[in-house]
């Protein structure tokens, strides 16, 4: 499985595809790499939505019971095998890495990288 850097101009369209794949079913993620509360570590959390707002330059992750904003992301790398998303890494403006690990791959129809 390849780790691929997404170009900034493709972020909005790519995350729209992720949101479409999550709609109505969601996914489970490991919150440890997202800087969430210590109590959440070691548990899988339900990811409800994921979106990129170009105006605010922030990536928003909505999880069951939590919301995580990654402001001013500099780089987005995805772990994807064909149409199947396994996870992603986001580097923010402060140099901090945020890791999103999916318990099961999420099929992204038409989301080539």
C-alpha atoms as a PDB file:
ATOM      1  CA  UNK A   1       0.000   0.000   0.000  1.00  0.00           C
ATOM      2  CA  UNK A   2       1.402   3.327  -1.040  1.00  0.00           C
ATOM      3  CA  UNK A   3       1.610   6.543   0.962  1.00  0.00           C
ATOM      4  CA  UNK A   4       0.728   9.334  -1.457  1.00  0.00           C
ATOM      5  CA  UNK A   5       0.889  13.094  -0.921  1.00  0.00           C
ATOM      6  CA  UNK A   6      -2.196  14.910  -2.166  1.00  0.00           C
ATOM      7  CA  UNK A   7      -1.731  18.221  -3.930  1.00  0.00           C
ATOM      8  CA  UNK A   8      -3.410  21.097  -2.089  1.00  0.00           C
ATOM      9  CA  UNK A   9      -5.657  21.872  -5.052  1.00  0.00           C
ATOM     10  CA  UNK A  10      -7.143  18.347  -4.854  1.00  0.00           C
ATOM     11  CA  UNK A  11      -7.965  18.423  -1.114  1.00  0.00           C
ATOM     12  CA  UNK A  12     -11.516  19.748  -1.388  1.00  0.00           C
ATOM     13  CA  UNK A  13     -12.591  17.248  -4.059  1.00  0.00           C
ATOM     14  CA  UNK A  14     -10.809  14.357  -2.327  1.00  0.00           C
ATOM     15  CA  UNK A  15     -12.415  15.056   1.051  1.00  0.00           C
ATOM     16  CA  UNK A  16     -15.809  15.418  -0.647  1.00  0.00           C
ATOM     17  CA  UNK A  17     -15.337  11.825  -1.849  1.00  0.00           C
ATOM     18  CA  UNK A  18     -14.378  10.716   1.660  1.00  0.00           C
ATOM     19  CA  UNK A  19     -17.487  12.446   3.046  1.00  0.00           C
ATOM     20  CA  UNK A  20     -19.673  10.676   0.464  1.00  0.00           C
ATOM     21  CA  UNK A  21     -18.176   7.321   1.454  1.00  0.00           C
ATOM     22  CA  UNK A  22     -18.776   8.062   5.153  1.00  0.00           C
ATOM     23  CA  UNK A  23     -22.380   9.228   4.647  1.00  0.00           C
ATOM     24  CA  UNK A  24     -24.816   6.940   6.365  1.00  0.00           C
ATOM     25  CA  UNK A  25     -22.209   4.478   7.577  1.00  0.00           C
ATOM     26  CA  UNK A  26     -19.183   6.233   9.017  1.00  0.00           C
ATOM     27  CA  UNK A  27     -15.978   4.463   9.954  1.00  0.00           C
ATOM     28  CA  UNK A  28     -14.037   3.626  13.099  1.00  0.00           C
ATOM     29  CA  UNK A  29     -10.719   5.326  13.773  1.00  0.00           C
ATOM     30  CA  UNK A  30      -7.955   5.083  16.370  1.00  0.00           C
ATOM     31  CA  UNK A  31      -7.971   8.486  18.135  1.00  0.00           C
ATOM     32  CA  UNK A  32      -4.463   8.284  19.631  1.00  0.00           C
ATOM     33  CA  UNK A  33      -2.824   9.983  16.643  1.00  0.00           C
ATOM     34  CA  UNK A  34      -5.374  12.813  16.566  1.00  0.00           C
ATOM     35  CA  UNK A  35      -4.459  14.503  19.823  1.00  0.00           C
ATOM     36  CA  UNK A  36      -7.774  13.664  21.486  1.00  0.00           C
ATOM     37  CA  UNK A  37      -8.416  13.265  25.200  1.00  0.00           C
ATOM     38  CA  UNK A  38      -6.342  10.584  26.954  1.00  0.00           C
ATOM     39  CA  UNK A  39      -9.542   8.740  27.928  1.00  0.00           C
ATOM     40  CA  UNK A  40     -10.193   8.018  24.253  1.00  0.00           C
ATOM     41  CA  UNK A  41      -6.812   6.396  23.641  1.00  0.00           C
ATOM     42  CA  UNK A  42      -6.901   2.692  23.000  1.00  0.00           C
ATOM     43  CA  UNK A  43     -10.532   2.788  21.894  1.00  0.00           C
ATOM     44  CA  UNK A  44     -11.923   2.952  18.389  1.00  0.00           C
ATOM     45  CA  UNK A  45     -14.122   5.996  17.797  1.00  0.00           C
ATOM     46  CA  UNK A  46     -16.857   6.401  15.200  1.00  0.00           C
ATOM     47  CA  UNK A  47     -15.857   8.916  12.494  1.00  0.00           C
ATOM     48  CA  UNK A  48     -19.008  10.649  11.310  1.00  0.00           C
ATOM     49  CA  UNK A  49     -17.580  13.154   8.828  1.00  0.00           C
ATOM     50  CA  UNK A  50     -14.390  14.599   7.445  1.00  0.00           C
ATOM     51  CA  UNK A  51     -14.198  17.844   5.465  1.00  0.00           C
ATOM     52  CA  UNK A  52     -11.766  20.505   4.301  1.00  0.00           C
ATOM     53  CA  UNK A  53     -12.747  24.188   4.411  1.00  0.00           C
ATOM     54  CA  UNK A  54     -10.456  26.074   2.027  1.00  0.00           C
ATOM     55  CA  UNK A  55     -11.605  29.511   3.260  1.00  0.00           C
ATOM     56  CA  UNK A  56     -10.684  28.737   6.853  1.00  0.00           C
ATOM     57  CA  UNK A  57      -7.856  26.415   5.797  1.00  0.00           C
ATOM     58  CA  UNK A  58      -8.865  23.686   8.223  1.00  0.00           C
ATOM     59  CA  UNK A  59      -9.573  19.998   8.146  1.00  0.00           C
ATOM     60  CA  UNK A  60     -12.540  19.070  10.362  1.00  0.00           C
ATOM     61  CA  UNK A  61     -13.042  15.573  11.735  1.00  0.00           C
ATOM     62  CA  UNK A  62     -16.336  14.890  13.478  1.00  0.00           C
ATOM     63  CA  UNK A  63     -16.259  11.850  15.697  1.00  0.00           C
ATOM     64  CA  UNK A  64     -18.970  10.494  17.937  1.00  0.00           C
ATOM     65  CA  UNK A  65     -18.641  12.700  21.008  1.00  0.00           C
ATOM     66  CA  UNK A  66     -15.716  14.783  19.735  1.00  0.00           C
ATOM     67  CA  UNK A  67     -14.667  17.202  17.013  1.00  0.00           C
ATOM     68  CA  UNK A  68     -11.083  17.725  15.924  1.00  0.00           C
ATOM     69  CA  UNK A  69      -9.930  20.678  13.822  1.00  0.00           C
ATOM     70  CA  UNK A  70      -6.548  20.620  12.149  1.00  0.00           C
ATOM     71  CA  UNK A  71      -5.858  24.230  11.271  1.00  0.00           C
ATOM     72  CA  UNK A  72      -3.611  25.278   8.408  1.00  0.00           C
ATOM     73  CA  UNK A  73      -2.588  21.825   7.199  1.00  0.00           C
ATOM     74  CA  UNK A  74       0.603  21.928   5.141  1.00  0.00           C
ATOM     75  CA  UNK A  75       0.578  18.387   3.766  1.00  0.00           C
ATOM     76  CA  UNK A  76      -1.905  15.540   3.462  1.00  0.00           C
ATOM     77  CA  UNK A  77      -0.666  12.016   2.791  1.00  0.00           C
ATOM     78  CA  UNK A  78      -3.083   9.131   2.263  1.00  0.00           C
ATOM     79  CA  UNK A  79      -2.592   5.398   2.709  1.00  0.00           C
ATOM     80  CA  UNK A  80      -4.647   4.113  -0.182  1.00  0.00           C
ATOM     81  CA  UNK A  81      -4.733   0.876  -2.129  1.00  0.00           C
ATOM     82  CA  UNK A  82      -6.733   1.426  -5.312  1.00  0.00           C
ATOM     83  CA  UNK A  83     -10.133   2.736  -4.201  1.00  0.00           C
ATOM     84  CA  UNK A  84      -9.585   1.678  -0.556  1.00  0.00           C
ATOM     85  CA  UNK A  85      -8.519   4.289   2.006  1.00  0.00           C
ATOM     86  CA  UNK A  86      -6.661   2.805   4.994  1.00  0.00           C
ATOM     87  CA  UNK A  87      -5.619   6.031   6.721  1.00  0.00           C
ATOM     88  CA  UNK A  88      -3.936   9.375   6.364  1.00  0.00           C
ATOM     89  CA  UNK A  89      -1.297  11.619   7.855  1.00  0.00           C
ATOM     90  CA  UNK A  90      -1.694  15.379   8.076  1.00  0.00           C
ATOM     91  CA  UNK A  91       1.159  17.770   8.810  1.00  0.00           C
ATOM     92  CA  UNK A  92      -0.054  21.046  10.296  1.00  0.00           C
ATOM     93  CA  UNK A  93       1.532  24.508  10.133  1.00  0.00           C
ATOM     94  CA  UNK A  94       3.292  23.944  13.460  1.00  0.00           C
ATOM     95  CA  UNK A  95       4.994  20.797  12.184  1.00  0.00           C
ATOM     96  CA  UNK A  96       2.804  18.412  14.214  1.00  0.00           C
ATOM     97  CA  UNK A  97       1.718  15.179  12.529  1.00  0.00           C
ATOM     98  CA  UNK A  98      -1.844  13.912  12.931  1.00  0.00           C
ATOM     99  CA  UNK A  99      -2.561  10.275  12.084  1.00  0.00           C
ATOM    100  CA  UNK A 100      -5.942   8.895  11.089  1.00  0.00           C
ATOM    101  CA  UNK A 101      -6.002   5.091  11.148  1.00  0.00           C
ATOM    102  CA  UNK A 102      -9.152   3.323   9.954  1.00  0.00           C
ATOM    103  CA  UNK A 103     -10.115   0.015  11.579  1.00  0.00           C
ATOM    104  CA  UNK A 104     -11.464  -1.196   8.217  1.00  0.00           C
ATOM    105  CA  UNK A 105     -10.613   0.290   4.816  1.00  0.00           C
ATOM    106  CA  UNK A 106     -13.143   2.747   3.388  1.00  0.00           C
ATOM    107  CA  UNK A 107     -14.050   2.395  -0.289  1.00  0.00           C
ATOM    108  CA  UNK A 108     -13.797   5.697  -2.152  1.00  0.00           C
ATOM    109  CA  UNK A 109     -15.415   5.319  -5.520  1.00  0.00           C
ATOM    110  CA  UNK A 110     -13.735   7.462  -8.142  1.00  0.00           C
ATOM    111  CA  UNK A 111     -11.080   8.738  -5.714  1.00  0.00           C
ATOM    112  CA  UNK A 112      -7.862   8.118  -7.569  1.00  0.00           C
ATOM    113  CA  UNK A 113      -4.710   9.681  -6.164  1.00  0.00           C
END
